[in-house]
Amino acid sequence: MEEMMPAAPSLAADTGRVMRLSLLVQRVLAPNPSPFTFEGTQTYLVGNSDLAVIDPGPDDPAHLDALEAAIAGRPVIAIACTHTHRDHSPAARPLAQRIGAPIIGCAPLTLEDDGPRADAAFDPDYSPDRVLAEGEQIVGTGWTLTALATPGHTSNHLCYALEEEAALFTGDHVMNWSTSVVSPPDGDMSDYLASLERLVARSDSIYYPAHGEPVTQPQRFARGMLGHRRMREGQILRILERQGAVTIPDFVASMYVGLNPRLHGAAGRSVLAHLIDLQRRGLVKDRANGVWARVLI
């Protein structure tokens, strides 16, 4: 994440418990709280007589036990990951081996970024049985999940639309406790903004993020996230106009006053992502050695 939003209700007491969220959706919280996962990764079970498991989470024995208990012997049609950060996908293979289910979802991706660790590292062992393309579906009894490509946070990020409830499982693309990390080289701000625009144009009634409580006013929330990114973009341009040449630590000091120092690295990665996007649009330039300047038009 980049910076914390207003605090959401604590989920910690729910760790390992099956929580019913709708007629078709249940949630099991993994025991992996951190500055980048909030109270932990939320694994979702979709369906009743047969299931899809979305974002199985970390390879933690207690969490795997909790998921197996929640599944309760029902057939699992797919174990689906939104992306392959280590707080989302490592439990996919051990869960598949326990229950005999296929891994169907996002593409594999392993990449070391070129800066300080801004969020969870990639899962090098993720190996899906089938990769979903945009618009492809997973179909169960009384439920349908449609893959929606939402690159930005990572290049392989998928959201999943639950057609029968107009719900969207947003992974780390949209969360209601924090903005999403967009960390180059794989994280891409241009793609992230375009993916947010896609969500604004949709008619989903609720978002189920991988971290934090559901988002019950999704289009308004997505528009707010776009506005937040445009505000950051404007800050960057104004700082460059005032100061002429600026380094990323200087941007962070000016833009993130009061931010926990532990999160400065993550904030710096988001600044870099914005700078790369602005450079593509011809508004800023990299003067080398990490110094950025405004392009005068």
C-alpha atoms as a PDB file:
ATOM      1  CA  MET A   1       0.000   0.000   0.000  1.00  0.00           C
ATOM      2  CA  GLU A   2       0.960   3.634  -0.322  1.00  0.00           C
ATOM      3  CA  GLU A   3      -0.707   5.256   2.668  1.00  0.00           C
ATOM      4  CA  MET A   4      -3.449   4.221   5.027  1.00  0.00           C
ATOM      5  CA  MET A   5      -7.028   5.296   4.498  1.00  0.00           C
ATOM      6  CA  PRO A   6      -9.306   5.920   7.498  1.00  0.00           C
ATOM      7  CA  ALA A   7      -9.206   2.859   9.731  1.00  0.00           C
ATOM      8  CA  ALA A   8     -11.630   0.063   8.911  1.00  0.00           C
ATOM      9  CA  PRO A   9     -13.134  -2.128  11.619  1.00  0.00           C
ATOM     10  CA  SER A  10     -10.674  -4.685  12.947  1.00  0.00           C
ATOM     11  CA  LEU A  11     -10.955  -8.106  11.351  1.00  0.00           C
ATOM     12  CA  ALA A  12      -8.358  -9.773  13.581  1.00  0.00           C
ATOM     13  CA  ALA A  13     -10.921 -11.637  15.688  1.00  0.00           C
ATOM     14  CA  ASP A  14     -12.204 -13.289  12.501  1.00  0.00           C
ATOM     15  CA  THR A  15      -8.918 -15.065  11.685  1.00  0.00           C
ATOM     16  CA  GLY A  16      -9.622 -18.625  10.606  1.00  0.00           C
ATOM     17  CA  ARG A  17     -13.409 -18.287  10.935  1.00  0.00           C
ATOM     18  CA  VAL A  18     -15.857 -18.694   8.059  1.00  0.00           C
ATOM     19  CA  MET A  19     -17.824 -15.465   7.656  1.00  0.00           C
ATOM     20  CA  ARG A  20     -20.952 -15.412   5.465  1.00  0.00           C
ATOM     21  CA  LEU A  21     -21.028 -12.188   3.389  1.00  0.00           C
ATOM     22  CA  SER A  22     -23.831 -12.979   0.913  1.00  0.00           C
ATOM     23  CA  LEU A  23     -25.845 -15.884  -0.433  1.00  0.00           C
ATOM     24  CA  LEU A  24     -22.891 -16.911  -2.575  1.00  0.00           C
ATOM     25  CA  VAL A  25     -19.839 -15.498  -0.780  1.00  0.00           C
ATOM     26  CA  GLN A  26     -17.947 -16.525   2.351  1.00  0.00           C
ATOM     27  CA  ARG A  27     -14.649 -15.224   3.707  1.00  0.00           C
ATOM     28  CA  VAL A  28     -11.787 -16.793   5.663  1.00  0.00           C
ATOM     29  CA  LEU A  29      -9.093 -14.435   6.999  1.00  0.00           C
ATOM     30  CA  ALA A  30      -5.495 -15.663   6.927  1.00  0.00           C
ATOM     31  CA  PRO A  31      -3.196 -15.110   9.938  1.00  0.00           C
ATOM     32  CA  ASN A  32      -0.742 -12.858   8.092  1.00  0.00           C
ATOM     33  CA  PRO A  33      -1.274  -9.259   9.288  1.00  0.00           C
ATOM     34  CA  SER A  34       1.415  -6.758   8.289  1.00  0.00           C
ATOM     35  CA  PRO A  35       1.849  -3.130   7.179  1.00  0.00           C
ATOM     36  CA  PHE A  36       1.146  -4.340   3.631  1.00  0.00           C
ATOM     37  CA  THR A  37      -1.707  -6.797   4.288  1.00  0.00           C
ATOM     38  CA  PHE A  38      -3.707  -4.922   6.990  1.00  0.00           C
ATOM     39  CA  GLU A  39      -5.338  -7.634   9.167  1.00  0.00           C
ATOM     40  CA  GLY A  40      -4.361 -10.348   6.681  1.00  0.00           C
ATOM     41  CA  THR A  41      -5.292 -11.805   3.312  1.00  0.00           C
ATOM     42  CA  GLN A  42      -8.975 -12.599   2.823  1.00  0.00           C
ATOM     43  CA  THR A  43      -9.690 -15.832   1.000  1.00  0.00           C
ATOM     44  CA  TYR A  44     -13.149 -15.960  -0.555  1.00  0.00           C
ATOM     45  CA  LEU A  45     -15.291 -19.029  -1.146  1.00  0.00           C
ATOM     46  CA  VAL A  46     -17.858 -18.578  -3.913  1.00  0.00           C
ATOM     47  CA  GLY A  47     -20.823 -20.920  -4.279  1.00  0.00           C
ATOM     48  CA  ASN A  48     -22.662 -23.408  -2.119  1.00  0.00           C
ATOM     49  CA  SER A  49     -22.926 -26.932  -3.521  1.00  0.00           C
ATOM     50  CA  ASP A  50     -19.666 -26.450  -5.428  1.00  0.00           C
ATOM     51  CA  LEU A  51     -17.076 -23.731  -4.985  1.00  0.00           C
ATOM     52  CA  ALA A  52     -14.376 -21.447  -6.302  1.00  0.00           C
ATOM     53  CA  VAL A  53     -11.647 -20.360  -3.892  1.00  0.00           C
ATOM     54  CA  ILE A  54     -10.293 -16.868  -4.626  1.00  0.00           C
ATOM     55  CA  ASP A  55      -6.841 -15.837  -3.348  1.00  0.00           C
ATOM     56  CA  PRO A  56      -5.971 -18.859  -1.174  1.00  0.00           C
ATOM     57  CA  GLY A  57      -3.319 -16.761   0.566  1.00  0.00           C
ATOM     58  CA  PRO A  58      -0.042 -17.736   2.239  1.00  0.00           C
ATOM     59  CA  ASP A  59       1.188 -21.308   2.602  1.00  0.00           C
ATOM     60  CA  ASP A  60       0.313 -21.421   6.287  1.00  0.00           C
ATOM     61  CA  PRO A  61      -0.799 -24.761   7.820  1.00  0.00           C
ATOM     62  CA  ALA A  62      -3.414 -23.155  10.077  1.00  0.00           C
ATOM     63  CA  HIS A  63      -4.920 -21.243   7.157  1.00  0.00           C
ATOM     64  CA  LEU A  64      -4.930 -24.337   4.953  1.00  0.00           C
ATOM     65  CA  ASP A  65      -6.674 -26.250   7.738  1.00  0.00           C
ATOM     66  CA  ALA A  66      -9.250 -23.475   8.055  1.00  0.00           C
ATOM     67  CA  LEU A  67      -9.889 -23.470   4.304  1.00  0.00           C
ATOM     68  CA  GLU A  68     -10.233 -27.245   4.162  1.00  0.00           C
ATOM     69  CA  ALA A  69     -12.706 -27.112   7.046  1.00  0.00           C
ATOM     70  CA  ALA A  70     -14.688 -24.351   5.322  1.00  0.00           C
ATOM     71  CA  ILE A  71     -14.793 -26.298   2.062  1.00  0.00           C
ATOM     72  CA  ALA A  72     -16.143 -29.246   4.045  1.00  0.00           C
ATOM     73  CA  GLY A  73     -15.714 -31.826   1.325  1.00  0.00           C
ATOM     74  CA  ARG A  74     -17.597 -29.910  -1.347  1.00  0.00           C
ATOM     75  CA  PRO A  75     -16.132 -30.043  -4.879  1.00  0.00           C
ATOM     76  CA  VAL A  76     -13.915 -27.076  -5.747  1.00  0.00           C
ATOM     77  CA  ILE A  77     -14.088 -26.179  -9.426  1.00  0.00           C
ATOM     78  CA  ALA A  78     -11.208 -23.683  -9.303  1.00  0.00           C
ATOM     79  CA  ILE A  79      -8.601 -22.157  -7.025  1.00  0.00           C
ATOM     80  CA  ALA A  80      -8.274 -18.684  -8.531  1.00  0.00           C
ATOM     81  CA  CYS A  81      -5.603 -16.089  -7.710  1.00  0.00           C
ATOM     82  CA  THR A  82      -5.893 -12.390  -8.530  1.00  0.00           C
ATOM     83  CA  HIS A  83      -2.089 -12.089  -8.779  1.00  0.00           C
ATOM     84  CA  THR A  84       1.056 -13.785  -7.546  1.00  0.00           C
ATOM     85  CA  HIS A  85       2.349 -11.796  -4.595  1.00  0.00           C
ATOM     86  CA  ARG A  86       3.283 -14.085  -1.721  1.00  0.00           C
ATOM     87  CA  ASP A  87       0.338 -13.073   0.426  1.00  0.00           C
ATOM     88  CA  HIS A  88      -2.088 -14.275  -2.281  1.00  0.00           C
ATOM     89  CA  SER A  89      -0.993 -17.378  -4.195  1.00  0.00           C
ATOM     90  CA  PRO A  90       1.438 -19.672  -2.272  1.00  0.00           C
ATOM     91  CA  ALA A  91      -1.394 -21.715  -0.708  1.00  0.00           C
ATOM     92  CA  ALA A  92      -2.772 -22.558  -4.165  1.00  0.00           C
ATOM     93  CA  ARG A  93      -0.664 -25.654  -4.805  1.00  0.00           C
ATOM     94  CA  PRO A  94      -0.838 -27.196  -1.304  1.00  0.00           C
ATOM     95  CA  LEU A  95      -4.590 -26.560  -1.197  1.00  0.00           C
ATOM     96  CA  ALA A  96      -4.975 -28.118  -4.641  1.00  0.00           C
ATOM     97  CA  GLN A  97      -3.091 -31.189  -3.438  1.00  0.00           C
ATOM     98  CA  ARG A  98      -5.279 -31.468  -0.336  1.00  0.00           C
ATOM     99  CA  ILE A  99      -8.636 -31.230  -2.104  1.00  0.00           C
ATOM    100  CA  GLY A 100      -7.906 -32.276  -5.689  1.00  0.00           C
ATOM    101  CA  ALA A 101      -8.847 -28.988  -7.368  1.00  0.00           C
ATOM    102  CA  PRO A 102      -7.341 -27.207 -10.400  1.00  0.00           C
ATOM    103  CA  ILE A 103      -5.596 -23.832 -10.189  1.00  0.00           C
ATOM    104  CA  ILE A 104      -7.288 -21.566 -12.737  1.00  0.00           C
ATOM    105  CA  GLY A 105      -6.667 -17.820 -12.879  1.00  0.00           C
ATOM    106  CA  CYS A 106      -3.925 -15.257 -13.348  1.00  0.00           C
ATOM    107  CA  ALA A 107      -0.732 -15.921 -15.289  1.00  0.00           C
ATOM    108  CA  PRO A 108       2.509 -16.793 -13.483  1.00  0.00           C
ATOM    109  CA  LEU A 109       4.956 -13.947 -12.906  1.00  0.00           C
ATOM    110  CA  THR A 110       8.224 -13.794 -11.007  1.00  0.00           C
ATOM    111  CA  LEU A 111      10.114 -10.517 -10.949  1.00  0.00           C
ATOM    112  CA  GLU A 112      12.467  -8.701  -8.626  1.00  0.00           C
ATOM    113  CA  ASP A 113      11.846  -4.962  -8.703  1.00  0.00           C
ATOM    114  CA  ASP A 114      14.718  -2.511  -8.881  1.00  0.00           C
ATOM    115  CA  GLY A 115      14.037  -0.647  -5.667  1.00  0.00           C
ATOM    116  CA  PRO A 116      13.278  -1.139  -1.984  1.00  0.00           C
ATOM    117  CA  ARG A 117      10.649  -3.767  -1.242  1.00  0.00           C
ATOM    118  CA  ALA A 118       7.361  -1.908  -1.377  1.00  0.00           C
ATOM    119  CA  ASP A 119       5.011  -4.786  -0.736  1.00  0.00           C
ATOM    120  CA  ALA A 120       4.966  -8.581  -0.823  1.00  0.00           C
ATOM    121  CA  ALA A 121       7.481 -10.296  -3.111  1.00  0.00           C
ATOM    122  CA  PHE A 122       6.344 -12.508  -5.992  1.00  0.00           C
ATOM    123  CA  ASP A 123       5.566 -16.193  -5.572  1.00  0.00           C
ATOM    124  CA  PRO A 124       8.105 -18.108  -7.733  1.00  0.00           C
ATOM    125  CA  ASP A 125       6.310 -21.451  -7.304  1.00  0.00           C
ATOM    126  CA  TYR A 126       2.888 -20.472  -8.651  1.00  0.00           C
ATOM    127  CA  SER A 127       2.012 -22.775 -11.545  1.00  0.00           C
ATOM    128  CA  PRO A 128      -1.601 -22.624 -12.769  1.00  0.00           C
ATOM    129  CA  ASP A 129      -3.282 -25.493 -14.562  1.00  0.00           C
ATOM    130  CA  ARG A 130      -5.064 -22.955 -16.755  1.00  0.00           C
ATOM    131  CA  VAL A 131      -4.570 -19.212 -17.283  1.00  0.00           C
ATOM    132  CA  LEU A 132      -7.717 -17.136 -17.720  1.00  0.00           C
ATOM    133  CA  ALA A 133      -7.838 -14.484 -20.420  1.00  0.00           C
ATOM    134  CA  GLU A 134     -10.002 -11.371 -20.322  1.00  0.00           C
ATOM    135  CA  GLY A 135     -13.682 -12.322 -20.354  1.00  0.00           C
ATOM    136  CA  GLU A 136     -13.184 -16.037 -19.746  1.00  0.00           C
ATOM    137  CA  GLN A 137     -15.370 -17.614 -17.097  1.00  0.00           C
ATOM    138  CA  ILE A 138     -15.414 -20.157 -14.305  1.00  0.00           C
ATOM    139  CA  VAL A 139     -18.928 -21.608 -13.956  1.00  0.00           C
ATOM    140  CA  GLY A 140     -20.395 -23.496 -11.029  1.00  0.00           C
ATOM    141  CA  THR A 141     -23.855 -24.375  -9.767  1.00  0.00           C
ATOM    142  CA  GLY A 142     -25.702 -21.079  -9.535  1.00  0.00           C
ATOM    143  CA  TRP A 143     -22.617 -18.886  -9.950  1.00  0.00           C
ATOM    144  CA  THR A 144     -20.404 -17.473 -12.683  1.00  0.00           C
ATOM    145  CA  LEU A 145     -17.032 -15.754 -12.301  1.00  0.00           C
ATOM    146  CA  THR A 146     -15.767 -13.639 -15.211  1.00  0.00           C
ATOM    147  CA  ALA A 147     -12.092 -12.626 -15.450  1.00  0.00           C
ATOM    148  CA  LEU A 148     -11.440  -8.897 -15.761  1.00  0.00           C
ATOM    149  CA  ALA A 149      -7.875  -7.896 -16.630  1.00  0.00           C
ATOM    150  CA  THR A 150      -6.800  -5.079 -14.306  1.00  0.00           C
ATOM    151  CA  PRO A 151      -3.036  -4.585 -14.718  1.00  0.00           C
ATOM    152  CA  GLY A 152      -1.285  -1.858 -12.762  1.00  0.00           C
ATOM    153  CA  HIS A 153      -0.575  -3.143  -9.273  1.00  0.00           C
ATOM    154  CA  THR A 154       1.015  -6.058 -11.137  1.00  0.00           C
ATOM    155  CA  SER A 155       0.963  -6.833 -14.840  1.00  0.00           C
ATOM    156  CA  ASN A 156      -0.849 -10.146 -14.246  1.00  0.00           C
ATOM    157  CA  HIS A 157      -3.584  -8.817 -11.951  1.00  0.00           C
ATOM    158  CA  LEU A 158      -7.121 -10.107 -12.517  1.00  0.00           C
ATOM    159  CA  CYS A 159     -10.378  -9.171 -10.842  1.00  0.00           C
ATOM    160  CA  TYR A 160     -13.266 -11.625 -10.840  1.00  0.00           C
ATOM    161  CA  ALA A 161     -16.868 -10.552 -11.442  1.00  0.00           C
ATOM    162  CA  LEU A 162     -19.554 -12.634  -9.731  1.00  0.00           C
ATOM    163  CA  GLU A 163     -22.297 -12.135 -12.298  1.00  0.00           C
ATOM    164  CA  GLU A 164     -25.252 -13.323 -10.171  1.00  0.00           C
ATOM    165  CA  GLU A 165     -24.599 -10.746  -7.428  1.00  0.00           C
ATOM    166  CA  ALA A 166     -23.016  -7.899  -9.440  1.00  0.00           C
ATOM    167  CA  ALA A 167     -20.005  -8.270  -7.157  1.00  0.00           C
ATOM    168  CA  LEU A 168     -16.328  -7.831  -8.008  1.00  0.00           C
ATOM    169  CA  PHE A 169     -13.404  -9.483  -6.232  1.00  0.00           C
ATOM    170  CA  THR A 170     -10.773  -6.773  -6.568  1.00  0.00           C
ATOM    171  CA  GLY A 171      -7.652  -8.363  -5.047  1.00  0.00           C
ATOM    172  CA  ASP A 172      -5.149  -5.567  -4.447  1.00  0.00           C
ATOM    173  CA  HIS A 173      -6.426  -3.362  -7.281  1.00  0.00           C
ATOM    174  CA  VAL A 174      -8.968  -1.641  -5.015  1.00  0.00           C
ATOM    175  CA  MET A 175      -8.900  -1.853  -1.199  1.00  0.00           C
ATOM    176  CA  ASN A 176     -10.843   0.236   1.302  1.00  0.00           C
ATOM    177  CA  TRP A 177      -8.084   0.568   3.897  1.00  0.00           C
ATOM    178  CA  SER A 178      -5.184   1.698   1.702  1.00  0.00           C
ATOM    179  CA  THR A 179      -4.229   2.767  -1.769  1.00  0.00           C
ATOM    180  CA  SER A 180      -2.542   0.089  -3.862  1.00  0.00           C
ATOM    181  CA  VAL A 181       1.218  -0.099  -4.370  1.00  0.00           C
ATOM    182  CA  VAL A 182       2.221   0.539  -7.968  1.00  0.00           C
ATOM    183  CA  SER A 183       5.903  -0.357  -8.013  1.00  0.00           C
ATOM    184  CA  PRO A 184       7.938  -0.303 -11.260  1.00  0.00           C
ATOM    185  CA  PRO A 185       9.145  -2.081 -13.272  1.00  0.00           C
ATOM    186  CA  ASP A 186       6.176  -4.470 -13.176  1.00  0.00           C
ATOM    187  CA  GLY A 187       3.772  -2.061 -11.503  1.00  0.00           C
ATOM    188  CA  ASP A 188       2.615   0.464 -14.094  1.00  0.00           C
ATOM    189  CA  MET A 189       0.745   3.665 -13.266  1.00  0.00           C
ATOM    190  CA  SER A 190      -0.601   4.149 -16.806  1.00  0.00           C
ATOM    191  CA  ASP A 191      -2.116   0.681 -16.699  1.00  0.00           C
ATOM    192  CA  TYR A 192      -3.359   1.171 -13.138  1.00  0.00           C
ATOM    193  CA  LEU A 193      -5.248   4.356 -13.999  1.00  0.00           C
ATOM    194  CA  ALA A 194      -6.761   2.729 -17.092  1.00  0.00           C
ATOM    195  CA  SER A 195      -7.859  -0.245 -14.967  1.00  0.00           C
ATOM    196  CA  LEU A 196      -9.518   2.105 -12.469  1.00  0.00           C
ATOM    197  CA  GLU A 197     -11.339   3.801 -15.349  1.00  0.00           C
ATOM    198  CA  ARG A 198     -12.652   0.377 -16.367  1.00  0.00           C
ATOM    199  CA  LEU A 199     -14.107  -0.131 -12.910  1.00  0.00           C
ATOM    200  CA  VAL A 200     -15.732   3.311 -12.840  1.00  0.00           C
ATOM    201  CA  ALA A 201     -17.531   2.460 -16.087  1.00  0.00           C
ATOM    202  CA  ARG A 202     -18.918  -0.806 -14.689  1.00  0.00           C
ATOM    203  CA  SER A 203     -22.106  -1.326 -12.683  1.00  0.00           C
ATOM    204  CA  ASP A 204     -20.835  -3.509  -9.831  1.00  0.00           C
ATOM    205  CA  SER A 205     -22.819  -3.234  -6.601  1.00  0.00           C
ATOM    206  CA  ILE A 206     -20.023  -4.256  -4.216  1.00  0.00           C
ATOM    207  CA  TYR A 207     -16.269  -4.875  -4.175  1.00  0.00           C
ATOM    208  CA  TYR A 208     -14.664  -7.654  -2.155  1.00  0.00           C
ATOM    209  CA  PRO A 209     -10.973  -6.718  -1.740  1.00  0.00           C
ATOM    210  CA  ALA A 210      -8.246  -9.087  -0.563  1.00  0.00           C
ATOM    211  CA  HIS A 211      -7.543  -6.800   2.407  1.00  0.00           C
ATOM    212  CA  GLY A 212     -10.117  -4.814   4.365  1.00  0.00           C
ATOM    213  CA  GLU A 213     -13.907  -4.732   4.451  1.00  0.00           C
ATOM    214  CA  PRO A 214     -16.179  -4.762   1.372  1.00  0.00           C
ATOM    215  CA  VAL A 215     -16.649  -1.538  -0.582  1.00  0.00           C
ATOM    216  CA  THR A 216     -20.374  -0.821  -0.725  1.00  0.00           C
ATOM    217  CA  GLN A 217     -20.305   2.273  -2.984  1.00  0.00           C
ATOM    218  CA  PRO A 218     -17.892   0.957  -5.599  1.00  0.00           C
ATOM    219  CA  GLN A 219     -18.142   3.498  -8.437  1.00  0.00           C
ATOM    220  CA  ARG A 220     -17.895   6.412  -6.020  1.00  0.00           C
ATOM    221  CA  PHE A 221     -14.939   4.751  -4.333  1.00  0.00           C
ATOM    222  CA  ALA A 222     -13.138   4.039  -7.617  1.00  0.00           C
ATOM    223  CA  ARG A 223     -13.684   7.639  -8.732  1.00  0.00           C
ATOM    224  CA  GLY A 224     -12.219   8.772  -5.424  1.00  0.00           C
ATOM    225  CA  MET A 225      -9.149   6.627  -6.015  1.00  0.00           C
ATOM    226  CA  LEU A 226      -8.719   8.152  -9.462  1.00  0.00           C
ATOM    227  CA  GLY A 227      -9.054  11.610  -7.923  1.00  0.00           C
ATOM    228  CA  HIS A 228      -6.430  10.710  -5.331  1.00  0.00           C
ATOM    229  CA  ARG A 229      -3.975   9.667  -8.053  1.00  0.00           C
ATOM    230  CA  ARG A 230      -4.648  12.825 -10.054  1.00  0.00           C
ATOM    231  CA  MET A 231      -4.035  14.844  -6.892  1.00  0.00           C
ATOM    232  CA  ARG A 232      -0.640  13.127  -6.452  1.00  0.00           C
ATOM    233  CA  GLU A 233       0.144  13.811 -10.085  1.00  0.00           C
ATOM    234  CA  GLY A 234      -0.664  17.502  -9.601  1.00  0.00           C
ATOM    235  CA  GLN A 235       1.535  17.652  -6.512  1.00  0.00           C
ATOM    236  CA  ILE A 236       4.474  16.260  -8.462  1.00  0.00           C
ATOM    237  CA  LEU A 237       4.081  18.814 -11.233  1.00  0.00           C
ATOM    238  CA  ARG A 238       3.749  21.730  -8.799  1.00  0.00           C
ATOM    239  CA  ILE A 239       6.843  20.643  -6.849  1.00  0.00           C
ATOM    240  CA  LEU A 240       8.841  20.488 -10.082  1.00  0.00           C
ATOM    241  CA  GLU A 241       7.597  23.919 -11.140  1.00  0.00           C
ATOM    242  CA  ARG A 242       8.675  25.377  -7.784  1.00  0.00           C
ATOM    243  CA  GLN A 243      11.985  23.573  -7.315  1.00  0.00           C
ATOM    244  CA  GLY A 244      13.167  22.855 -10.857  1.00  0.00           C
ATOM    245  CA  ALA A 245      14.972  19.562 -10.200  1.00  0.00           C
ATOM    246  CA  VAL A 246      13.846  17.063  -7.564  1.00  0.00           C
ATOM    247  CA  THR A 247      14.821  13.593  -6.326  1.00  0.00           C
ATOM    248  CA  ILE A 248      12.315  10.961  -5.233  1.00  0.00           C
ATOM    249  CA  PRO A 249      13.205  11.303  -1.502  1.00  0.00           C
ATOM    250  CA  ASP A 250      12.519  15.043  -1.864  1.00  0.00           C
ATOM    251  CA  PHE A 251       9.115  14.306  -3.400  1.00  0.00           C
ATOM    252  CA  VAL A 252       8.262  11.927  -0.566  1.00  0.00           C
ATOM    253  CA  ALA A 253       9.268  14.475   2.091  1.00  0.00           C
ATOM    254  CA  SER A 254       7.022  17.112   0.498  1.00  0.00           C
ATOM    255  CA  MET A 255       4.057  14.916  -0.418  1.00  0.00           C
ATOM    256  CA  TYR A 256       3.806  12.519   2.520  1.00  0.00           C
ATOM    257  CA  VAL A 257       4.177  14.670   5.597  1.00  0.00           C
ATOM    258  CA  GLY A 258       3.584  12.578   8.716  1.00  0.00           C
ATOM    259  CA  LEU A 259       3.740   9.232   6.910  1.00  0.00           C
ATOM    260  CA  ASN A 260       5.257   6.399   8.936  1.00  0.00           C
ATOM    261  CA  PRO A 261       8.946   6.245   7.885  1.00  0.00           C
ATOM    262  CA  ARG A 262       8.562   2.493   7.336  1.00  0.00           C
ATOM    263  CA  LEU A 263       6.285   3.337   4.412  1.00  0.00           C
ATOM    264  CA  HIS A 264       8.577   5.884   2.733  1.00  0.00           C
ATOM    265  CA  GLY A 265       9.957   3.215   0.401  1.00  0.00           C
ATOM    266  CA  ALA A 266       6.469   2.293  -0.782  1.00  0.00           C
ATOM    267  CA  ALA A 267       5.576   5.965  -1.251  1.00  0.00           C
ATOM    268  CA  GLY A 268       8.750   6.463  -3.263  1.00  0.00           C
ATOM    269  CA  ARG A 269       7.796   3.609  -5.573  1.00  0.00           C
ATOM    270  CA  SER A 270       4.400   5.201  -6.235  1.00  0.00           C
ATOM    271  CA  VAL A 271       6.093   8.542  -6.950  1.00  0.00           C
ATOM    272  CA  LEU A 272       8.398   6.797  -9.424  1.00  0.00           C
ATOM    273  CA  ALA A 273       5.401   5.145 -11.099  1.00  0.00           C
ATOM    274  CA  HIS A 274       3.739   8.554 -11.473  1.00  0.00           C
ATOM    275  CA  LEU A 275       6.954  10.056 -12.873  1.00  0.00           C
ATOM    276  CA  ILE A 276       7.258   7.296 -15.482  1.00  0.00           C
ATOM    277  CA  ASP A 277       3.637   7.869 -16.514  1.00  0.00           C
ATOM    278  CA  LEU A 278       4.194  11.639 -16.728  1.00  0.00           C
ATOM    279  CA  GLN A 279       7.384  11.080 -18.729  1.00  0.00           C
ATOM    280  CA  ARG A 280       5.475   8.959 -21.264  1.00  0.00           C
ATOM    281  CA  ARG A 281       3.037  11.848 -21.628  1.00  0.00           C
ATOM    282  CA  GLY A 282       5.884  14.293 -22.252  1.00  0.00           C
ATOM    283  CA  LEU A 283       5.363  16.308 -19.050  1.00  0.00           C
ATOM    284  CA  VAL A 284       8.534  15.451 -17.110  1.00  0.00           C
ATOM    285  CA  LYS A 285      12.013  14.176 -17.870  1.00  0.00           C
ATOM    286  CA  ASP A 286      14.649  12.180 -16.039  1.00  0.00           C
ATOM    287  CA  ARG A 287      17.838  14.246 -15.915  1.00  0.00           C
ATOM    288  CA  ALA A 288      19.817  11.158 -14.809  1.00  0.00           C
ATOM    289  CA  ASN A 289      21.111  10.228 -11.354  1.00  0.00           C
ATOM    290  CA  GLY A 290      17.572  10.160 -10.015  1.00  0.00           C
ATOM    291  CA  VAL A 291      16.875  13.855 -10.616  1.00  0.00           C
ATOM    292  CA  TRP A 292      13.600  14.753 -12.306  1.00  0.00           C
ATOM    293  CA  ALA A 293      12.567  18.012 -14.000  1.00  0.00           C
ATOM    294  CA  ARG A 294       9.506  19.537 -15.664  1.00  0.00           C
ATOM    295  CA  VAL A 295       9.303  19.629 -19.437  1.00  0.00           C
ATOM    296  CA  LEU A 296       8.446  23.173 -20.422  1.00  0.00           C
ATOM    297  CA  ILE A 297       5.873  23.400 -23.198  1.00  0.00           C
END
